[in-house]
Structure formats: structure tokens, C-alpha cells
């Protein structure tokens, strides 16, 4: 694994919002960004990790096992960051 940062903004924020909402379009609405911007960031993140982070179904997007692990990590980082900058 390279030393480059994999989970950077805005990818981290977009990823977590898709996990929370279960939908790219809902995440885009909540974040006030284009759906295509979120789709691109998710695709880049999946490519950089060489794994699928979501199961795409007719009912929306559900995190894969790898997505669940990344979501737990990203949430911890976000919470630590929030505490640090209070």
C-alpha cells in the first residue's frame, strides 16, 4: 500500500453520507452537490482501494463488507477530528 492518503475530503464526507442515506441522489441532496460528483468520488475511492465499497441494488446502495470497515474507520476519524477542533 502506498503512503498516499486514500480517504481525503470530499471523498470521506461523500462516502459516509452515501452509507447513511443508502443513495447517491439522497446524499447529493443532503450535501447540496451534484450526484455525478459523488459518483465520481466513490468510483475513485473504489479504484484506489481496488475493491467495491457498495452493493448496488434496486433498493439503493448498501455497504459491502469492505465498505462497512471503511465506514467504521472514517466515522472514527471524523469523530476524532470533531473533538480535536471543538
PDB file of N, CA and C in Angstrom:
ATOM      1  N   UNK A   1       0.848  -1.183   0.000  1.00  0.00           N
ATOM      2  CA  UNK A   1       0.000   0.000   0.000  1.00  0.00           C
ATOM      3  C   UNK A   1       0.887   1.237   0.000  1.00  0.00           C
ATOM      4  N   UNK A   2       0.540   2.190  -0.810  1.00  0.00           N
ATOM      5  CA  UNK A   2       1.356   3.402  -0.888  1.00  0.00           C
ATOM      6  C   UNK A   2       1.081   4.300   0.305  1.00  0.00           C
ATOM      7  N   UNK A   3       1.939   5.284   0.467  1.00  0.00           N
ATOM      8  CA  UNK A   3       1.786   6.192   1.598  1.00  0.00           C
ATOM      9  C   UNK A   3       0.816   7.326   1.307  1.00  0.00           C
ATOM     10  N   UNK A   4       0.281   7.371   0.084  1.00  0.00           N
ATOM     11  CA  UNK A   4      -0.642   8.460  -0.229  1.00  0.00           C
ATOM     12  C   UNK A   4      -1.929   8.319   0.587  1.00  0.00           C
ATOM     13  N   UNK A   5      -2.539   9.438   0.849  1.00  0.00           N
ATOM     14  CA  UNK A   5      -3.787   9.427   1.603  1.00  0.00           C
ATOM     15  C   UNK A   5      -4.900   8.909   0.705  1.00  0.00           C
ATOM     16  N   UNK A   6      -5.623   7.918   1.192  1.00  0.00           N
ATOM     17  CA  UNK A   6      -6.695   7.328   0.395  1.00  0.00           C
ATOM     18  C   UNK A   6      -8.016   8.020   0.697  1.00  0.00           C
ATOM     19  N   UNK A   7      -8.285   8.284   1.959  1.00  0.00           N
ATOM     20  CA  UNK A   7      -9.587   8.821   2.347  1.00  0.00           C
ATOM     21  C   UNK A   7      -9.457  10.303   2.664  1.00  0.00           C
ATOM     22  N   UNK A   8      -9.542  11.119   1.625  1.00  0.00           N
ATOM     23  CA  UNK A   8      -9.432  12.562   1.772  1.00  0.00           C
ATOM     24  C   UNK A   8     -10.791  13.204   1.542  1.00  0.00           C
ATOM     25  N   UNK A   9     -10.899  14.456   1.934  1.00  0.00           N
ATOM     26  CA  UNK A   9     -12.091  15.242   1.608  1.00  0.00           C
ATOM     27  C   UNK A   9     -12.069  15.558   0.134  1.00  0.00           C
ATOM     28  N   UNK A  10     -13.184  15.622  -0.555  1.00  0.00           N
ATOM     29  CA  UNK A  10     -14.537  15.384  -0.064  1.00  0.00           C
ATOM     30  C   UNK A  10     -14.957  13.922  -0.091  1.00  0.00           C
ATOM     31  N   UNK A  11     -14.082  13.027  -0.546  1.00  0.00           N
ATOM     32  CA  UNK A  11     -14.462  11.615  -0.680  1.00  0.00           C
ATOM     33  C   UNK A  11     -14.966  11.028   0.634  1.00  0.00           C
ATOM     34  N   UNK A  12     -14.315  11.346   1.739  1.00  0.00           N
ATOM     35  CA  UNK A  12     -14.725  10.801   3.035  1.00  0.00           C
ATOM     36  C   UNK A  12     -16.134  11.249   3.401  1.00  0.00           C
ATOM     37  N   UNK A  13     -16.392  12.523   3.234  1.00  0.00           N
ATOM     38  CA  UNK A  13     -17.715  13.067   3.571  1.00  0.00           C
ATOM     39  C   UNK A  13     -18.786  12.473   2.665  1.00  0.00           C
ATOM     40  N   UNK A  14     -18.504  12.398   1.372  1.00  0.00           N
ATOM     41  CA  UNK A  14     -19.460  11.839   0.412  1.00  0.00           C
ATOM     42  C   UNK A  14     -19.717  10.365   0.710  1.00  0.00           C
ATOM     43  N   UNK A  15     -18.642   9.625   0.950  1.00  0.00           N
ATOM     44  CA  UNK A  15     -18.764   8.198   1.243  1.00  0.00           C
ATOM     45  C   UNK A  15     -19.656   7.969   2.460  1.00  0.00           C
ATOM     46  N   UNK A  16     -19.382   8.675   3.556  1.00  0.00           N
ATOM     47  CA  UNK A  16     -20.177   8.493   4.773  1.00  0.00           C
ATOM     48  C   UNK A  16     -21.638   8.874   4.563  1.00  0.00           C
ATOM     49  N   UNK A  17     -21.899   9.894   3.786  1.00  0.00           N
ATOM     50  CA  UNK A  17     -23.290  10.297   3.553  1.00  0.00           C
ATOM     51  C   UNK A  17     -24.028   9.261   2.711  1.00  0.00           C
ATOM     52  N   UNK A  18     -23.352   8.641   1.749  1.00  0.00           N
ATOM     53  CA  UNK A  18     -23.995   7.570   0.975  1.00  0.00           C
ATOM     54  C   UNK A  18     -24.273   6.377   1.888  1.00  0.00           C
ATOM     55  N   UNK A  19     -23.355   6.060   2.785  1.00  0.00           N
ATOM     56  CA  UNK A  19     -23.591   4.979   3.752  1.00  0.00           C
ATOM     57  C   UNK A  19     -24.816   5.306   4.595  1.00  0.00           C
ATOM     58  N   UNK A  20     -24.893   6.533   5.103  1.00  0.00           N
ATOM     59  CA  UNK A  20     -26.020   6.933   5.963  1.00  0.00           C
ATOM     60  C   UNK A  20     -27.348   6.926   5.219  1.00  0.00           C
ATOM     61  N   UNK A  21     -27.347   7.457   4.006  1.00  0.00           N
ATOM     62  CA  UNK A  21     -28.604   7.643   3.277  1.00  0.00           C
ATOM     63  C   UNK A  21     -28.985   6.445   2.417  1.00  0.00           C
ATOM     64  N   UNK A  22     -28.001   5.641   2.023  1.00  0.00           N
ATOM     65  CA  UNK A  22     -28.274   4.491   1.173  1.00  0.00           C
ATOM     66  C   UNK A  22     -28.509   4.834  -0.282  1.00  0.00           C
ATOM     67  N   UNK A  23     -28.184   6.067  -0.658  1.00  0.00           N
ATOM     68  CA  UNK A  23     -28.466   6.518  -2.019  1.00  0.00           C
ATOM     69  C   UNK A  23     -27.551   7.676  -2.395  1.00  0.00           C
ATOM     70  N   UNK A  24     -27.041   7.627  -3.612  1.00  0.00           N
ATOM     71  CA  UNK A  24     -26.217   8.735  -4.094  1.00  0.00           C
ATOM     72  C   UNK A  24     -27.069   9.984  -4.261  1.00  0.00           C
ATOM     73  N   UNK A  25     -28.266   9.831  -4.813  1.00  0.00           N
ATOM     74  CA  UNK A  25     -29.106  11.016  -5.034  1.00  0.00           C
ATOM     75  C   UNK A  25     -29.529  11.656  -3.710  1.00  0.00           C
ATOM     76  N   UNK A  26     -29.828  10.846  -2.706  1.00  0.00           N
ATOM     77  CA  UNK A  26     -30.191  11.400  -1.393  1.00  0.00           C
ATOM     78  C   UNK A  26     -28.979  12.072  -0.746  1.00  0.00           C
ATOM     79  N   UNK A  27     -27.824  11.449  -0.853  1.00  0.00           N
ATOM     80  CA  UNK A  27     -26.600  12.049  -0.311  1.00  0.00           C
ATOM     81  C   UNK A  27     -26.312  13.377  -0.997  1.00  0.00           C
ATOM     82  N   UNK A  28     -26.487  13.417  -2.312  1.00  0.00           N
ATOM     83  CA  UNK A  28     -26.253  14.651  -3.066  1.00  0.00           C
ATOM     84  C   UNK A  28     -27.198  15.752  -2.606  1.00  0.00           C
ATOM     85  N   UNK A  29     -28.445  15.394  -2.384  1.00  0.00           N
ATOM     86  CA  UNK A  29     -29.429  16.371  -1.913  1.00  0.00           C
ATOM     87  C   UNK A  29     -29.053  16.902  -0.529  1.00  0.00           C
ATOM     88  N   UNK A  30     -28.670  16.012   0.374  1.00  0.00           N
ATOM     89  CA  UNK A  30     -28.297  16.415   1.735  1.00  0.00           C
ATOM     90  C   UNK A  30     -27.046  17.289   1.760  1.00  0.00           C
ATOM     91  N   UNK A  31     -26.113  17.003   0.844  1.00  0.00           N
ATOM     92  CA  UNK A  31     -24.843  17.740   0.816  1.00  0.00           C
ATOM     93  C   UNK A  31     -24.853  18.920  -0.141  1.00  0.00           C
ATOM     94  N   UNK A  32     -25.944  19.049  -0.891  1.00  0.00           N
ATOM     95  CA  UNK A  32     -26.091  20.131  -1.862  1.00  0.00           C
ATOM     96  C   UNK A  32     -24.972  20.113  -2.913  1.00  0.00           C
ATOM     97  N   UNK A  33     -24.729  18.918  -3.450  1.00  0.00           N
ATOM     98  CA  UNK A  33     -23.763  18.745  -4.536  1.00  0.00           C
ATOM     99  C   UNK A  33     -24.407  17.888  -5.621  1.00  0.00           C
ATOM    100  N   UNK A  34     -23.796  17.852  -6.779  1.00  0.00           N
ATOM    101  CA  UNK A  34     -24.319  17.049  -7.888  1.00  0.00           C
ATOM    102  C   UNK A  34     -24.101  15.561  -7.619  1.00  0.00           C
ATOM    103  N   UNK A  35     -25.074  14.759  -8.012  1.00  0.00           N
ATOM    104  CA  UNK A  35     -24.947  13.304  -7.885  1.00  0.00           C
ATOM    105  C   UNK A  35     -23.706  12.795  -8.603  1.00  0.00           C
ATOM    106  N   UNK A  36     -23.410  13.403  -9.750  1.00  0.00           N
ATOM    107  CA  UNK A  36     -22.247  12.965 -10.526  1.00  0.00           C
ATOM    108  C   UNK A  36     -20.942  13.188  -9.761  1.00  0.00           C
ATOM    109  N   UNK A  37     -20.879  14.238  -8.961  1.00  0.00           N
ATOM    110  CA  UNK A  37     -19.674  14.500  -8.164  1.00  0.00           C
ATOM    111  C   UNK A  37     -19.476  13.395  -7.128  1.00  0.00           C
ATOM    112  N   UNK A  38     -20.559  12.982  -6.506  1.00  0.00           N
ATOM    113  CA  UNK A  38     -20.472  11.903  -5.516  1.00  0.00           C
ATOM    114  C   UNK A  38     -20.109  10.593  -6.204  1.00  0.00           C
ATOM    115  N   UNK A  39     -20.743  10.304  -7.330  1.00  0.00           N
ATOM    116  CA  UNK A  39     -20.441   9.074  -8.074  1.00  0.00           C
ATOM    117  C   UNK A  39     -18.970   9.009  -8.457  1.00  0.00           C
ATOM    118  N   UNK A  40     -18.426  10.124  -8.927  1.00  0.00           N
ATOM    119  CA  UNK A  40     -17.006  10.161  -9.312  1.00  0.00           C
ATOM    120  C   UNK A  40     -16.096   9.894  -8.113  1.00  0.00           C
ATOM    121  N   UNK A  41     -16.398  10.516  -6.983  1.00  0.00           N
ATOM    122  CA  UNK A  41     -15.563  10.333  -5.795  1.00  0.00           C
ATOM    123  C   UNK A  41     -15.623   8.892  -5.293  1.00  0.00           C
ATOM    124  N   UNK A  42     -16.809   8.296  -5.304  1.00  0.00           N
ATOM    125  CA  UNK A  42     -16.955   6.901  -4.872  1.00  0.00           C
ATOM    126  C   UNK A  42     -16.172   5.987  -5.821  1.00  0.00           C
ATOM    127  N   UNK A  43     -16.284   6.238  -7.128  1.00  0.00           N
ATOM    128  CA  UNK A  43     -15.558   5.426  -8.118  1.00  0.00           C
ATOM    129  C   UNK A  43     -14.046   5.551  -7.921  1.00  0.00           C
ATOM    130  N   UNK A  44     -13.559   6.766  -7.669  1.00  0.00           N
ATOM    131  CA  UNK A  44     -12.124   6.970  -7.429  1.00  0.00           C
ATOM    132  C   UNK A  44     -11.673   6.238  -6.168  1.00  0.00           C
ATOM    133  N   UNK A  45     -12.492   6.312  -5.129  1.00  0.00           N
ATOM    134  CA  UNK A  45     -12.170   5.647  -3.870  1.00  0.00           C
ATOM    135  C   UNK A  45     -12.115   4.133  -4.068  1.00  0.00           C
ATOM    136  N   UNK A  46     -13.105   3.582  -4.769  1.00  0.00           N
ATOM    137  CA  UNK A  46     -13.112   2.144  -5.043  1.00  0.00           C
ATOM    138  C   UNK A  46     -11.902   1.743  -5.883  1.00  0.00           C
ATOM    139  N   UNK A  47     -11.547   2.555  -6.863  1.00  0.00           N
ATOM    140  CA  UNK A  47     -10.385   2.254  -7.705  1.00  0.00           C
ATOM    141  C   UNK A  47      -9.089   2.303  -6.897  1.00  0.00           C
ATOM    142  N   UNK A  48      -8.966   3.296  -6.027  1.00  0.00           N
ATOM    143  CA  UNK A  48      -7.733   3.426  -5.245  1.00  0.00           C
ATOM    144  C   UNK A  48      -7.574   2.278  -4.253  1.00  0.00           C
ATOM    145  N   UNK A  49      -8.691   1.728  -3.787  1.00  0.00           N
ATOM    146  CA  UNK A  49      -8.649   0.603  -2.851  1.00  0.00           C
ATOM    147  C   UNK A  49      -8.746  -0.745  -3.560  1.00  0.00           C
ATOM    148  N   UNK A  50      -9.039  -0.701  -4.851  1.00  0.00           N
ATOM    149  CA  UNK A  50      -9.204  -1.909  -5.665  1.00  0.00           C
ATOM    150  C   UNK A  50     -10.247  -2.855  -5.069  1.00  0.00           C
ATOM    151  N   UNK A  51     -11.371  -2.278  -4.648  1.00  0.00           N
ATOM    152  CA  UNK A  51     -12.465  -3.081  -4.105  1.00  0.00           C
ATOM    153  C   UNK A  51     -13.773  -2.321  -4.226  1.00  0.00           C
ATOM    154  N   UNK A  52     -14.864  -3.054  -4.285  1.00  0.00           N
ATOM    155  CA  UNK A  52     -16.184  -2.419  -4.281  1.00  0.00           C
ATOM    156  C   UNK A  52     -16.560  -2.079  -2.847  1.00  0.00           C
ATOM    157  N   UNK A  53     -17.038  -0.872  -2.651  1.00  0.00           N
ATOM    158  CA  UNK A  53     -17.434  -0.428  -1.315  1.00  0.00           C
ATOM    159  C   UNK A  53     -18.932  -0.517  -1.098  1.00  0.00           C
ATOM    160  N   UNK A  54     -19.685  -0.669  -2.179  1.00  0.00           N
ATOM    161  CA  UNK A  54     -21.143  -0.745  -2.093  1.00  0.00           C
ATOM    162  C   UNK A  54     -21.684  -1.858  -2.966  1.00  0.00           C
ATOM    163  N   UNK A  55     -22.762  -2.468  -2.488  1.00  0.00           N
ATOM    164  CA  UNK A  55     -23.575  -3.362  -3.303  1.00  0.00           C
ATOM    165  C   UNK A  55     -24.671  -2.476  -3.876  1.00  0.00           C
ATOM    166  N   UNK A  56     -24.736  -2.399  -5.183  1.00  0.00           N
ATOM    167  CA  UNK A  56     -25.731  -1.553  -5.834  1.00  0.00           C
ATOM    168  C   UNK A  56     -26.947  -2.409  -6.161  1.00  0.00           C
ATOM    169  N   UNK A  57     -28.084  -2.070  -5.561  1.00  0.00           N
ATOM    170  CA  UNK A  57     -29.309  -2.839  -5.751  1.00  0.00           C
ATOM    171  C   UNK A  57     -30.432  -1.908  -6.185  1.00  0.00           C
ATOM    172  N   UNK A  58     -31.564  -2.499  -6.518  1.00  0.00           N
ATOM    173  CA  UNK A  58     -32.733  -1.702  -6.891  1.00  0.00           C
ATOM    174  C   UNK A  58     -33.213  -0.857  -5.711  1.00  0.00           C
ATOM    175  N   UNK A  59     -32.907  -1.292  -4.501  1.00  0.00           N
ATOM    176  CA  UNK A  59     -33.338  -0.548  -3.306  1.00  0.00           C
ATOM    177  C   UNK A  59     -32.316   0.469  -2.831  1.00  0.00           C
ATOM    178  N   UNK A  60     -31.238   0.615  -3.559  1.00  0.00           N
ATOM    179  CA  UNK A  60     -30.239   1.611  -3.178  1.00  0.00           C
ATOM    180  C   UNK A  60     -28.861   1.007  -3.056  1.00  0.00           C
ATOM    181  N   UNK A  61     -28.036   1.659  -2.293  1.00  0.00           N
ATOM    182  CA  UNK A  61     -26.649   1.232  -2.125  1.00  0.00           C
ATOM    183  C   UNK A  61     -26.425   0.798  -0.684  1.00  0.00           C
ATOM    184  N   UNK A  62     -25.970  -0.433  -0.541  1.00  0.00           N
ATOM    185  CA  UNK A  62     -25.656  -0.985   0.770  1.00  0.00           C
ATOM    186  C   UNK A  62     -24.149  -1.205   0.842  1.00  0.00           C
ATOM    187  N   UNK A  63     -23.516  -0.826   1.949  1.00  0.00           N
ATOM    188  CA  UNK A  63     -22.072  -1.032   2.051  1.00  0.00           C
ATOM    189  C   UNK A  63     -21.714  -2.518   1.956  1.00  0.00           C
ATOM    190  N   UNK A  64     -20.666  -2.817   1.222  1.00  0.00           N
ATOM    191  CA  UNK A  64     -20.110  -4.171   1.186  1.00  0.00           C
ATOM    192  C   UNK A  64     -19.364  -4.389   2.507  1.00  0.00           C
ATOM    193  N   UNK A  65     -18.794  -5.568   2.680  1.00  0.00           N
ATOM    194  CA  UNK A  65     -18.001  -5.819   3.890  1.00  0.00           C
ATOM    195  C   UNK A  65     -16.848  -4.817   3.983  1.00  0.00           C
ATOM    196  N   UNK A  66     -16.193  -4.567   2.859  1.00  0.00           N
ATOM    197  CA  UNK A  66     -15.103  -3.578   2.840  1.00  0.00           C
ATOM    198  C   UNK A  66     -15.638  -2.181   3.129  1.00  0.00           C
ATOM    199  N   UNK A  67     -16.821  -1.877   2.600  1.00  0.00           N
ATOM    200  CA  UNK A  67     -17.450  -0.587   2.847  1.00  0.00           C
ATOM    201  C   UNK A  67     -17.785  -0.381   4.313  1.00  0.00           C
ATOM    202  N   UNK A  68     -18.244  -1.449   4.967  1.00  0.00           N
ATOM    203  CA  UNK A  68     -18.545  -1.371   6.406  1.00  0.00           C
ATOM    204  C   UNK A  68     -17.282  -1.070   7.205  1.00  0.00           C
ATOM    205  N   UNK A  69     -16.192  -1.742   6.862  1.00  0.00           N
ATOM    206  CA  UNK A  69     -14.925  -1.488   7.557  1.00  0.00           C
ATOM    207  C   UNK A  69     -14.446  -0.058   7.348  1.00  0.00           C
ATOM    208  N   UNK A  70     -14.515   0.399   6.105  1.00  0.00           N
ATOM    209  CA  UNK A  70     -14.085   1.764   5.807  1.00  0.00           C
ATOM    210  C   UNK A  70     -14.988   2.783   6.492  1.00  0.00           C
ATOM    211  N   UNK A  71     -16.284   2.512   6.535  1.00  0.00           N
ATOM    212  CA  UNK A  71     -17.220   3.435   7.187  1.00  0.00           C
ATOM    213  C   UNK A  71     -16.908   3.557   8.675  1.00  0.00           C
ATOM    214  N   UNK A  72     -16.624   2.438   9.326  1.00  0.00           N
ATOM    215  CA  UNK A  72     -16.289   2.477  10.754  1.00  0.00           C
ATOM    216  C   UNK A  72     -15.023   3.302  10.980  1.00  0.00           C
ATOM    217  N   UNK A  73     -14.027   3.090  10.142  1.00  0.00           N
ATOM    218  CA  UNK A  73     -12.780   3.848  10.247  1.00  0.00           C
ATOM    219  C   UNK A  73     -13.019   5.334   9.990  1.00  0.00           C
ATOM    220  N   UNK A  74     -13.727   5.641   8.906  1.00  0.00           N
ATOM    221  CA  UNK A  74     -13.972   7.038   8.531  1.00  0.00           C
ATOM    222  C   UNK A  74     -14.777   7.760   9.606  1.00  0.00           C
ATOM    223  N   UNK A  75     -15.728   7.066  10.201  1.00  0.00           N
ATOM    224  CA  UNK A  75     -16.531   7.677  11.261  1.00  0.00           C
ATOM    225  C   UNK A  75     -15.676   7.981  12.487  1.00  0.00           C
ATOM    226  N   UNK A  76     -14.784   7.055  12.840  1.00  0.00           N
ATOM    227  CA  UNK A  76     -13.876   7.309  13.977  1.00  0.00           C
ATOM    228  C   UNK A  76     -12.990   8.514  13.702  1.00  0.00           C
ATOM    229  N   UNK A  77     -12.454   8.593  12.495  1.00  0.00           N
ATOM    230  CA  UNK A  77     -11.597   9.726  12.131  1.00  0.00           C
ATOM    231  C   UNK A  77     -12.391  11.027  12.203  1.00  0.00           C
ATOM    232  N   UNK A  78     -13.616  11.005  11.678  1.00  0.00           N
ATOM    233  CA  UNK A  78     -14.459  12.199  11.699  1.00  0.00           C
ATOM    234  C   UNK A  78     -14.770  12.626  13.137  1.00  0.00           C
ATOM    235  N   UNK A  79     -15.099  11.671  13.995  1.00  0.00           N
ATOM    236  CA  UNK A  79     -15.404  11.998  15.390  1.00  0.00           C
ATOM    237  C   UNK A  79     -14.174  12.541  16.110  1.00  0.00           C
ATOM    238  N   UNK A  80     -13.022  11.931  15.873  1.00  0.00           N
ATOM    239  CA  UNK A  80     -11.782  12.425  16.486  1.00  0.00           C
ATOM    240  C   UNK A  80     -11.462  13.839  16.014  1.00  0.00           C
ATOM    241  N   UNK A  81     -11.666  14.089  14.744  1.00  0.00           N
ATOM    242  CA  UNK A  81     -11.423  15.419  14.186  1.00  0.00           C
ATOM    243  C   UNK A  81     -12.370  16.445  14.797  1.00  0.00           C
ATOM    244  N   UNK A  82     -13.633  16.070  14.929  1.00  0.00           N
ATOM    245  CA  UNK A  82     -14.611  16.974  15.540  1.00  0.00           C
ATOM    246  C   UNK A  82     -14.223  17.310  16.976  1.00  0.00           C
ATOM    247  N   UNK A  83     -13.772  16.316  17.733  1.00  0.00           N
ATOM    248  CA  UNK A  83     -13.357  16.550  19.113  1.00  0.00           C
ATOM    249  C   UNK A  83     -12.123  17.438  19.183  1.00  0.00           C
ATOM    250  N   UNK A  84     -11.211  17.225  18.273  1.00  0.00           N
ATOM    251  CA  UNK A  84      -9.970  17.993  18.252  1.00  0.00           C
ATOM    252  C   UNK A  84     -10.225  19.473  17.989  1.00  0.00           C
ATOM    253  N   UNK A  85     -11.187  19.762  17.118  1.00  0.00           N
ATOM    254  CA  UNK A  85     -11.422  21.149  16.712  1.00  0.00           C
ATOM    255  C   UNK A  85     -12.631  21.783  17.381  1.00  0.00           C
ATOM    256  N   UNK A  86     -13.031  21.279  18.520  1.00  0.00           N
ATOM    257  CA  UNK A  86     -14.133  21.903  19.269  1.00  0.00           C
ATOM    258  C   UNK A  86     -13.691  23.179  19.898  1.00  0.00           C
TER     259      UNK A  86
END
